Protein backbone atom coordinates (compact mmCIF):
# COMPACT_ATOMS: atom_id res chain seq x y z
CA MET A 1 45.54 11.45 81.54
CA THR A 2 41.78 11.95 81.18
CA MET A 3 39.96 10.83 77.94
CA ARG A 4 37.02 12.62 76.41
CA ASP A 5 34.48 10.19 77.84
CA GLY A 6 35.49 11.05 81.43
CA HIS A 7 36.92 7.65 82.31
CA LYS A 8 40.46 6.95 83.32
CA PRO A 9 42.57 4.72 81.14
CA ARG A 10 42.08 1.02 81.72
CA ALA A 11 45.11 -0.64 83.33
CA ASP A 12 46.42 -3.71 81.56
CA LYS A 13 46.83 -6.95 83.42
CA ALA A 14 50.10 -7.35 85.35
CA SER A 15 52.99 -7.81 83.09
CA PRO A 16 56.73 -7.70 83.41
CA GLY A 17 57.96 -4.19 83.95
CA GLY A 18 54.96 -3.08 85.96
CA ASP A 19 53.57 0.43 85.26
CA GLN A 20 56.40 1.40 82.94
CA ALA A 21 55.52 -1.44 80.64
CA ARG A 22 51.82 -0.51 80.41
CA ARG A 23 50.54 -0.03 76.84
CA ALA A 24 49.18 3.47 76.07
CA VAL A 25 45.54 3.60 75.15
CA VAL A 26 44.79 5.88 72.23
CA ASP A 27 41.21 6.73 71.16
CA GLN A 28 41.30 6.12 67.43
CA GLY A 29 38.00 7.89 67.01
CA TRP A 30 39.57 11.37 67.22
CA ASP A 31 42.01 12.41 64.58
CA ASP A 32 42.98 15.57 66.50
CA TYR A 33 44.33 13.84 69.56
CA LEU A 34 48.05 14.66 70.04
CA PRO A 35 49.82 12.70 72.77
CA PRO A 36 52.33 14.80 74.86
CA ASP A 37 55.94 14.34 74.03
CA ALA A 38 58.58 13.48 76.70
CA GLN A 39 59.78 17.08 77.15
CA GLU A 40 56.30 18.31 77.93
CA VAL A 41 55.81 15.60 80.53
CA GLN A 42 59.15 16.37 82.25
CA SER A 43 58.46 20.11 82.35
CA GLY A 44 54.93 19.66 83.63
CA ARG A 45 53.59 21.74 80.74
CA VAL A 46 51.29 19.22 79.25
CA ARG A 47 49.07 20.77 76.51
CA PRO A 48 45.39 19.93 76.34
CA ALA A 49 44.43 16.58 74.84
CA PHE A 50 42.74 18.35 71.96
CA ASP A 51 44.13 20.96 69.61
CA THR A 52 42.29 24.12 70.58
CA ARG A 53 43.45 25.87 67.42
CA ARG A 54 40.31 24.58 65.71
CA ASP A 55 36.92 25.51 67.09
CA TYR A 56 34.86 22.35 66.52
CA GLY A 57 31.90 23.77 68.24
CA LYS A 58 31.78 26.65 65.79
CA SER A 59 32.52 24.62 62.68
CA ARG A 60 29.75 22.14 63.46
CA SER A 61 27.23 24.57 64.80
CA GLY A 62 25.43 25.37 61.37
CA GLY A 63 25.51 29.10 61.84
CA PRO A 64 23.68 31.57 59.62
CA GLY A 65 26.39 31.68 56.93
CA ARG A 66 26.58 27.98 56.54
CA PHE A 67 22.79 27.64 56.40
CA LEU A 68 22.59 30.22 53.65
CA ARG A 69 25.24 28.44 51.63
CA PHE A 70 23.41 25.16 52.08
CA ALA A 71 20.13 26.70 50.97
CA VAL A 72 21.72 28.07 47.79
CA PHE A 73 23.36 24.73 47.12
CA ALA A 74 20.06 22.87 47.62
CA ALA A 75 18.25 25.28 45.34
CA VAL A 76 20.82 24.81 42.58
CA ILE A 77 20.72 21.02 42.89
CA GLY A 78 16.93 21.05 42.98
CA GLY A 79 16.81 23.23 39.87
CA LEU A 80 19.12 20.88 38.01
CA VAL A 81 17.03 17.89 39.01
CA VAL A 82 13.79 19.57 37.93
CA ALA A 83 15.37 20.70 34.64
CA GLY A 84 16.68 17.21 34.01
CA LEU A 85 13.31 15.66 34.72
CA ASN A 86 11.65 18.24 32.48
CA PHE A 87 14.10 17.49 29.64
CA VAL A 88 13.78 13.73 29.93
CA VAL A 89 10.25 13.19 31.16
CA LYS A 90 8.33 15.92 29.32
CA PRO A 91 8.96 14.55 25.78
CA ILE A 92 7.91 11.11 26.99
CA VAL A 93 4.72 12.49 28.50
CA VAL A 94 3.97 14.62 25.43
CA ASN A 95 4.55 11.72 23.06
CA GLY A 96 2.28 9.59 25.17
CA ILE A 97 -0.45 12.21 24.99
CA VAL A 98 0.01 12.57 21.23
CA ASP A 99 -0.15 8.82 20.67
CA TRP A 100 -3.27 8.57 22.80
CA ALA A 101 -5.08 11.59 21.44
CA SER A 102 -4.16 11.63 17.71
CA GLY A 103 -6.75 9.02 16.86
CA ASN A 104 -9.15 9.93 19.62
CA SER A 105 -11.54 12.63 18.53
CA THR A 106 -13.10 12.77 22.01
CA ALA A 107 -9.77 13.47 23.68
CA LEU A 108 -8.99 16.14 21.11
CA GLN A 109 -12.09 18.04 22.21
CA ILE A 110 -10.26 18.82 25.44
CA PRO A 111 -8.60 22.19 24.68
CA PHE A 112 -5.30 21.68 26.50
CA VAL A 113 -4.91 18.16 25.02
CA SER A 114 -5.56 19.48 21.52
CA ASP A 115 -3.04 22.28 22.10
CA ILE A 116 -0.38 19.82 23.28
CA VAL A 117 -0.89 17.58 20.25
CA ARG A 118 -0.94 20.43 17.77
CA GLY A 119 2.19 21.96 19.29
CA ALA A 120 4.07 18.68 19.16
CA LEU A 121 3.04 17.96 15.57
CA TRP A 122 2.92 21.46 14.13
CA SER A 123 6.13 21.15 12.14
CA ASP A 124 4.88 17.98 10.44
CA ILE A 125 1.47 19.54 9.79
CA SER A 126 2.60 22.85 8.33
CA ARG A 127 5.70 21.87 6.36
CA PRO A 128 5.98 19.56 3.35
CA VAL A 129 8.58 16.83 3.40
CA ASP A 130 10.35 18.33 0.37
CA ALA A 131 8.96 21.56 -1.08
CA THR A 132 10.97 21.10 -4.29
CA ASN A 133 9.88 17.54 -5.08
CA THR A 134 6.68 17.60 -7.15
CA THR A 135 6.99 14.01 -8.41
CA GLY A 136 3.63 12.31 -8.24
CA VAL A 137 3.12 9.55 -5.69
CA VAL A 138 0.11 7.25 -5.96
CA ILE A 139 -1.98 6.65 -2.84
CA ILE A 140 -4.79 4.10 -2.99
CA VAL A 141 -7.71 4.59 -0.61
CA GLY A 142 -9.44 1.26 -0.20
CA SER A 143 -13.06 0.67 0.74
CA GLY A 144 -12.03 -0.24 4.29
CA SER A 145 -9.15 2.18 4.72
CA THR A 146 -9.09 4.04 8.05
CA PRO A 147 -7.27 7.37 8.61
CA ASN A 148 -4.55 5.38 10.37
CA ASP A 149 -4.21 3.08 7.33
CA ILE A 150 -3.95 6.05 4.99
CA GLY A 151 -1.46 7.80 7.29
CA ASP A 152 0.74 4.70 7.34
CA GLN A 153 0.59 4.49 3.55
CA LEU A 154 1.57 8.16 3.22
CA LEU A 155 4.42 7.64 5.66
CA GLN A 156 5.74 4.57 3.84
CA ALA A 157 5.58 6.49 0.55
CA GLY A 158 7.67 9.29 2.06
CA VAL A 159 4.94 11.89 1.53
CA ILE A 160 4.68 12.76 5.25
CA SER A 161 7.08 12.40 8.16
CA ASP A 162 4.60 11.50 10.94
CA ALA A 163 1.40 9.51 10.43
CA ARG A 164 -0.02 10.89 13.67
CA ALA A 165 0.05 14.40 12.23
CA PHE A 166 -2.10 13.23 9.31
CA VAL A 167 -4.62 11.53 11.58
CA TYR A 168 -4.77 14.54 13.94
CA GLU A 169 -5.30 17.04 11.14
CA ALA A 170 -7.88 14.82 9.43
CA ILE A 171 -9.85 14.69 12.69
CA GLN A 172 -9.52 18.42 13.25
CA GLN A 173 -10.80 19.14 9.72
CA GLY A 174 -13.63 16.62 10.01
CA ALA A 175 -12.29 14.81 6.96
CA THR A 176 -12.09 11.26 8.29
CA GLN A 177 -15.35 10.29 6.60
CA LYS A 178 -14.70 12.26 3.41
CA PHE A 179 -11.76 10.38 1.89
CA GLN A 180 -12.67 9.14 -1.59
CA ILE A 181 -12.08 5.49 -2.45
CA GLY A 182 -9.70 5.05 -5.37
CA ARG A 183 -6.40 6.26 -6.78
CA HIS A 184 -5.02 9.65 -5.77
CA VAL A 185 -1.80 11.37 -6.76
CA VAL A 186 0.01 13.48 -4.16
CA SER A 187 3.60 14.68 -3.83
CA ARG A 188 6.24 15.39 -1.21
CA SER A 189 5.89 19.11 -1.94
CA MET A 190 2.38 19.18 -0.42
CA ASN A 191 1.68 20.17 3.17
CA MET A 192 -0.85 18.28 5.25
CA ASP A 193 -3.83 20.43 4.28
CA GLN A 194 -3.11 19.94 0.57
CA ILE A 195 -2.76 16.18 0.98
CA ILE A 196 -6.03 15.90 2.86
CA THR A 197 -7.80 18.07 0.30
CA THR A 198 -6.52 15.86 -2.52
CA LEU A 199 -7.69 12.69 -0.81
CA THR A 200 -11.19 14.08 -0.30
CA LYS A 201 -11.59 14.93 -3.99
CA PRO A 202 -12.78 12.41 -6.62
CA PRO A 203 -10.04 9.89 -7.41
CA VAL A 204 -7.95 10.01 -10.56
CA ALA A 205 -9.18 7.78 -13.36
CA PRO A 206 -7.40 4.43 -13.62
CA PRO A 207 -4.21 5.04 -15.62
CA THR A 208 -3.41 3.57 -18.99
CA VAL A 209 -0.24 3.46 -21.02
CA ARG A 210 -0.66 4.43 -24.66
CA LEU A 211 1.20 2.08 -27.01
CA THR A 212 1.27 3.01 -30.68
CA PHE A 213 2.55 0.38 -33.09
CA ARG A 214 2.39 1.98 -36.52
CA GLU A 215 1.98 0.06 -39.74
CA GLY A 216 5.09 -1.57 -41.14
CA LEU A 217 6.94 -2.14 -37.87
CA ARG A 218 8.87 -5.35 -37.46
CA LEU A 219 8.75 -7.24 -34.18
CA GLU A 220 12.00 -5.73 -32.88
CA GLN A 221 10.66 -2.22 -33.44
CA MET A 222 7.70 -3.09 -31.25
CA VAL A 223 10.11 -4.36 -28.62
CA ALA A 224 12.05 -1.09 -28.84
CA GLU A 225 8.80 0.83 -28.36
CA LEU A 226 8.05 -1.14 -25.19
CA GLU A 227 11.58 -0.57 -23.94
CA ASP A 228 11.27 3.16 -24.54
CA LYS A 229 7.87 3.38 -22.82
CA GLU A 230 9.27 1.61 -19.79
CA ALA A 231 12.31 3.88 -19.60
CA HIS A 232 10.44 7.14 -20.34
CA PRO A 233 6.86 6.86 -19.05
CA ALA A 234 4.42 9.58 -20.05
CA ASP A 235 2.92 9.33 -16.56
CA PRO A 236 5.62 8.64 -13.92
CA THR A 237 2.93 7.53 -11.49
CA ALA A 238 1.90 4.75 -13.87
CA PRO A 239 4.95 3.46 -15.76
CA LEU A 240 4.73 0.41 -17.97
CA THR A 241 6.18 -2.50 -16.04
CA MET A 242 6.27 -4.98 -18.91
CA ASN A 243 9.54 -6.77 -19.59
CA ALA A 244 10.33 -6.09 -23.27
CA THR A 245 12.64 -9.09 -23.50
CA GLN A 246 9.87 -11.40 -22.31
CA PHE A 247 7.54 -9.93 -24.95
CA LYS A 248 10.13 -10.58 -27.66
CA ASN A 249 10.77 -14.15 -26.54
CA LEU A 250 7.05 -14.84 -26.40
CA ALA A 251 6.55 -13.58 -29.96
CA MET A 252 9.58 -15.45 -31.26
CA ASN A 253 8.52 -18.74 -29.66
CA PRO A 254 4.75 -18.57 -29.02
CA PRO A 255 3.59 -21.35 -26.68
CA THR A 256 0.68 -23.61 -27.53
CA ASP A 257 -1.61 -22.12 -24.87
CA LEU A 258 -1.14 -18.64 -26.37
CA LEU A 259 -2.16 -19.84 -29.85
CA ALA A 260 -4.96 -22.12 -28.67
CA PRO A 261 -7.77 -19.52 -29.04
CA TYR A 262 -6.73 -18.85 -32.66
CA LYS A 263 -7.52 -22.07 -34.48
CA TRP A 264 -6.88 -20.49 -37.86
CA LEU A 265 -3.26 -19.65 -36.95
CA LYS A 266 -0.90 -22.49 -37.84
CA LEU A 267 2.66 -21.24 -37.99
CA PRO A 268 5.38 -22.99 -40.00
CA ALA A 269 8.02 -24.74 -37.92
CA GLY A 270 10.30 -22.21 -36.25
CA ALA A 271 8.19 -19.21 -37.32
CA SER A 272 7.46 -16.28 -35.02
CA LEU A 273 4.32 -14.17 -34.79
CA GLU A 274 5.88 -11.59 -37.10
CA GLY A 275 3.17 -10.24 -39.38
CA PHE A 276 0.26 -11.14 -37.10
CA LEU A 277 0.81 -8.48 -34.40
CA PHE A 278 -1.65 -5.96 -35.73
CA PRO A 279 -0.46 -2.34 -35.89
CA ALA A 280 -2.70 0.03 -33.94
CA THR A 281 -2.84 2.18 -30.80
CA TYR A 282 -3.46 0.26 -27.59
CA ASN A 283 -4.32 1.72 -24.19
CA VAL A 284 -3.11 -0.81 -21.66
CA ALA A 285 -2.84 -1.01 -17.91
CA PRO A 286 0.67 -0.32 -16.56
CA ASP A 287 0.97 -3.88 -15.29
CA THR A 288 -0.19 -5.56 -18.52
CA THR A 289 1.78 -8.75 -19.09
CA PRO A 290 3.44 -9.79 -22.36
CA SER A 291 0.85 -12.56 -22.80
CA GLN A 292 -2.02 -10.12 -22.31
CA LEU A 293 -0.59 -7.66 -24.84
CA MET A 294 0.06 -10.45 -27.32
CA GLY A 295 -3.58 -11.46 -26.99
CA MET A 296 -4.68 -7.88 -27.71
CA LEU A 297 -2.54 -7.74 -30.87
CA LEU A 298 -3.83 -11.07 -32.19
CA ASP A 299 -7.43 -10.13 -31.36
CA ALA A 300 -6.96 -6.90 -33.33
CA PHE A 301 -5.65 -8.90 -36.29
CA VAL A 302 -8.80 -10.98 -36.20
CA SER A 303 -11.07 -7.93 -36.05
CA HIS A 304 -9.27 -6.19 -38.93
CA ALA A 305 -8.77 -9.23 -41.17
CA PRO A 306 -10.42 -8.87 -44.60
CA PRO A 307 -13.48 -11.00 -45.19
CA GLY A 308 -12.54 -14.52 -46.10
CA LEU A 309 -8.91 -14.35 -44.99
CA LEU A 310 -9.27 -16.45 -41.84
CA LYS A 311 -11.36 -19.02 -43.69
CA LEU A 312 -8.46 -19.95 -45.94
CA PRO A 313 -6.22 -22.92 -45.19
CA PRO A 314 -3.47 -21.97 -42.69
CA ASP A 315 -0.68 -22.08 -45.29
CA GLN A 316 -2.59 -19.71 -47.57
CA ILE A 317 -3.29 -17.35 -44.68
CA TYR A 318 0.43 -17.28 -43.99
CA ALA A 319 1.25 -16.59 -47.68
CA LYS A 320 -1.26 -13.73 -47.79
CA VAL A 321 0.37 -12.14 -44.73
CA GLN A 322 3.82 -12.52 -46.31
CA LEU A 323 2.57 -10.70 -49.41
CA ALA A 324 0.80 -8.02 -47.38
CA ALA A 325 4.04 -7.36 -45.47
CA LEU A 326 5.90 -6.73 -48.73
CA VAL A 327 3.14 -4.40 -49.88
CA GLU A 328 3.31 -2.50 -46.58
CA THR A 329 7.03 -1.79 -46.94
CA GLU A 330 6.63 -0.54 -50.52
CA ALA A 331 3.29 1.24 -50.97
CA LYS A 332 2.68 4.62 -49.35
CA VAL A 333 -0.82 5.33 -50.66
CA ASP A 334 -3.77 2.98 -50.67
CA SER A 335 -4.35 3.35 -54.41
CA ASP A 336 -1.02 1.69 -55.11
CA ARG A 337 -1.35 -1.28 -52.77
CA ALA A 338 -3.28 -3.65 -55.01
CA LEU A 339 -0.95 -2.85 -57.95
CA VAL A 340 2.17 -3.51 -55.86
CA ALA A 341 0.62 -6.77 -54.68
CA GLY A 342 -0.11 -7.59 -58.32
CA VAL A 343 3.54 -7.10 -59.30
CA TYR A 344 4.72 -9.62 -56.71
CA VAL A 345 2.03 -12.13 -57.66
CA ASN A 346 2.98 -11.77 -61.34
CA ARG A 347 6.62 -12.41 -60.47
CA MET A 348 5.55 -15.75 -59.08
CA ASN A 349 4.17 -16.71 -62.51
CA PRO A 350 6.96 -18.62 -64.33
CA LYS A 351 5.32 -17.96 -67.69
CA ILE A 352 5.94 -14.22 -67.48
CA TRP A 353 8.73 -14.12 -64.85
CA PRO A 354 10.90 -17.23 -65.26
CA THR A 355 13.38 -16.42 -62.45
CA GLY A 356 10.74 -16.44 -59.71
CA LEU A 357 12.76 -13.77 -57.88
CA MET A 358 10.79 -11.15 -55.93
CA ASP A 359 13.65 -8.61 -56.23
CA ALA A 360 12.33 -6.81 -53.14
CA ASP A 361 14.76 -4.36 -51.56
CA PRO A 362 12.94 -4.36 -48.16
CA THR A 363 13.74 -8.05 -47.61
CA LEU A 364 17.48 -7.31 -47.83
CA ASN A 365 17.08 -4.39 -45.43
CA TYR A 366 15.23 -6.71 -43.05
CA ALA A 367 18.08 -9.22 -43.08
CA ASN A 368 20.69 -6.49 -42.73
CA ASP A 369 18.89 -5.08 -39.66
CA SER A 370 18.61 -8.59 -38.23
CA VAL A 371 22.38 -8.99 -38.30
CA TRP A 372 22.80 -5.75 -36.33
CA LEU A 373 20.04 -6.58 -33.85
CA ARG A 374 21.63 -9.90 -32.98
CA ALA A 375 24.89 -8.17 -32.10
CA ASN A 376 23.42 -5.47 -29.86
CA PRO A 377 21.41 -5.51 -26.61
CA ILE A 378 17.74 -4.54 -26.54
CA GLU A 379 18.55 -1.32 -24.63
CA THR A 380 20.25 0.03 -27.77
CA TRP A 381 17.43 -0.80 -30.16
CA VAL A 382 15.53 2.34 -29.21
CA GLY A 383 18.04 4.58 -30.98
CA TYR A 384 18.58 2.33 -34.00
CA THR A 385 17.37 3.44 -37.45
CA PHE A 386 15.52 0.54 -39.02
CA TRP A 387 14.97 -0.11 -42.72
CA THR A 388 17.99 1.86 -43.92
CA SER A 389 18.78 0.87 -47.50
CA ILE A 390 21.60 -1.62 -47.66
CA LYS A 391 24.86 -0.21 -49.04
CA THR A 392 26.83 -2.26 -51.51
CA THR A 393 29.08 -1.57 -54.49
CA GLY A 394 28.09 -4.73 -56.31
CA PRO A 395 24.77 -6.20 -57.42
CA LEU A 396 22.25 -6.91 -54.68
CA SER A 397 22.17 -10.56 -55.70
CA LYS A 398 25.73 -10.90 -54.41
CA VAL A 399 25.01 -9.64 -50.88
CA VAL A 400 25.73 -12.45 -48.42
CA PHE A 401 23.91 -12.97 -45.10
CA PRO A 402 24.30 -15.66 -42.42
CA PRO A 403 22.83 -19.00 -43.55
CA ASP A 404 19.55 -18.64 -41.64
CA LEU A 405 19.01 -15.19 -43.19
CA ALA A 406 20.25 -15.98 -46.69
CA ALA A 407 16.76 -16.57 -48.10
CA TYR A 408 15.84 -12.94 -47.32
CA ASN A 409 18.00 -11.93 -50.29
CA THR A 410 15.13 -12.08 -52.77
CA TYR A 411 17.50 -11.02 -55.56
CA HIS A 412 19.19 -14.37 -55.13
CA HIS A 413 16.53 -16.72 -53.68
CA ALA A 414 13.21 -17.23 -55.46
CA GLY A 415 9.82 -16.83 -53.83
CA PHE A 416 8.75 -15.05 -50.67
CA PRO A 417 11.19 -14.63 -47.77
CA PRO A 418 10.86 -17.24 -44.99
CA MET A 419 8.57 -15.08 -42.81
CA PRO A 420 6.58 -11.85 -43.07
CA ILE A 421 8.97 -8.94 -42.62
CA CYS A 422 6.64 -6.55 -40.77
CA SER A 423 3.14 -6.00 -39.42
CA PRO A 424 0.92 -5.10 -42.39
CA SER A 425 -2.02 -2.73 -42.13
CA GLY A 426 -5.64 -3.55 -42.94
CA PRO A 427 -5.43 -2.01 -46.46
CA SER A 428 -2.31 -4.06 -47.24
CA LEU A 429 -4.11 -7.23 -46.13
CA VAL A 430 -7.01 -6.27 -48.40
CA ALA A 431 -4.57 -5.77 -51.29
CA ALA A 432 -3.02 -9.18 -50.64
CA MET A 433 -6.48 -10.73 -50.79
CA ALA A 434 -7.25 -8.97 -54.12
CA PRO A 435 -4.00 -8.16 -55.97
CA ASP A 436 -4.39 -6.27 -59.25
CA THR A 437 -2.73 -8.49 -61.85
CA ALA A 438 -4.89 -7.50 -64.81
CA ASP A 439 -2.37 -5.16 -66.44
CA GLY A 440 0.49 -7.60 -66.01
CA TYR A 441 2.84 -5.15 -64.30
CA LEU A 442 6.22 -6.59 -63.36
CA TYR A 443 8.06 -3.43 -62.25
CA PHE A 444 7.43 -0.34 -60.14
CA LEU A 445 9.40 2.53 -58.67
CA ALA A 446 8.70 5.52 -56.42
CA LYS A 447 8.13 8.70 -58.39
CA ASN A 448 10.16 10.83 -55.95
CA ASP A 449 7.86 13.79 -56.55
CA GLY A 450 6.45 14.04 -53.03
CA SER A 451 3.21 12.31 -53.94
CA GLY A 452 4.18 8.97 -52.40
CA THR A 453 2.90 7.21 -55.50
CA HIS A 454 4.64 4.73 -57.78
CA ALA A 455 5.12 4.35 -61.51
CA PHE A 456 4.42 0.85 -62.88
CA ALA A 457 5.81 -0.92 -65.94
CA LYS A 458 5.26 -4.18 -67.83
CA THR A 459 8.68 -4.45 -69.47
CA GLN A 460 12.27 -3.63 -68.65
CA ALA A 461 12.22 -0.96 -71.37
CA GLU A 462 9.30 0.79 -69.69
CA GLN A 463 11.06 0.51 -66.35
CA ASP A 464 14.24 2.05 -67.79
CA ALA A 465 12.21 4.95 -69.18
CA ASN A 466 10.63 5.53 -65.76
CA LEU A 467 14.06 5.44 -64.13
CA LYS A 468 15.16 8.24 -66.42
CA LEU A 469 11.88 10.15 -66.08
CA TYR A 470 11.99 10.24 -62.30
CA GLY A 471 15.66 11.07 -61.95
CA TYR A 472 17.22 7.71 -61.13
CA THR A 473 19.34 7.67 -64.28
CA LYS A 474 20.43 10.14 -66.94
């Protein structure tokens, strides 16, 4: 038997059995080799060593058909590779170019570079982040702010979606040296051109929050005003950030360092600043602290105090403010204030008013409100109606309050209530300094005729006649 390499089979070394025991040598390198079976050997019809049913020469020759198929296959694979590289590599290359060129005005002068950057960023340049959101967003341009700094600030504020788009467009518009230092208000509904235009215009004036504390408010009403301003700012871009609870606590328990600049102000033990927080309109910065606002209110009291008031001994100053607070809650027109003050001063004269009782309805209303305020959180004070007349079926002298508020029932306890019950106005302070006691009036009542004026009386008989005249009794 002849093998494919042309050599005869190697004979094994002598072994028992001679030639019949020789081991057949099979070339394991050819899978198509088929050794002859015994019948073929006996008949002499031994088939070729290789199966000629397959033409190896033809199958391995790389004829025209196979070459064509290979070319198509290579083209397809090559296309897939190129497409894959384009899909993966191109964005990386483009982003690299954008990062490099966005802040490089020289590079952007190269037309194809500028086109690549603009194409990559066009969506962020032309479209606002949220066309429906017009809420103002404050952007501060500092003296050393670069376009990159401003772009980062806009991005962090959610006004733009890519800081590079802002820098690119600012360079393209030649606006990098035109941004105005200061406070600007933009919104998420603006596109890039509108944002840049806004930042190159004069800045918005520093914001202020307008606080109006009208005459006759008690401390808790001021707190409610602060709470409302914080919850419903007139300018959403500059909301009041003051903590209303901190303001209240500061007024209720003023520290020594707060009172130090006001040498004339010596509060009784346990007294608050009620009565000394002057009613007026204040324009404050959004981040004004409770201490700063308290200082403004006390400074305003000083500037509006009647001549001579702050030169009195501290206890007399306090008494004048207590009286002025009563006048404020009763008198509606300035012409009545001195007369109302005179009534209360006369009631302190035991010779003409032996009981010493002030008989002032507002002090009971103050105590009644205080009971409600203690039971409810500050958030609910905004909707509360203060100074509502107390309702009772019996005499006012029998109305009972908690022990620390009992003295506010001036129908039962003689003298002024423990503290001022509101913030009096300048005219009420003037009236307290110069009460009209000449006519000896001891009574007054509102005329209920729309004039806001009062009718005054010296005796109970005159008071009863006025009650009938103005519709209180029949």
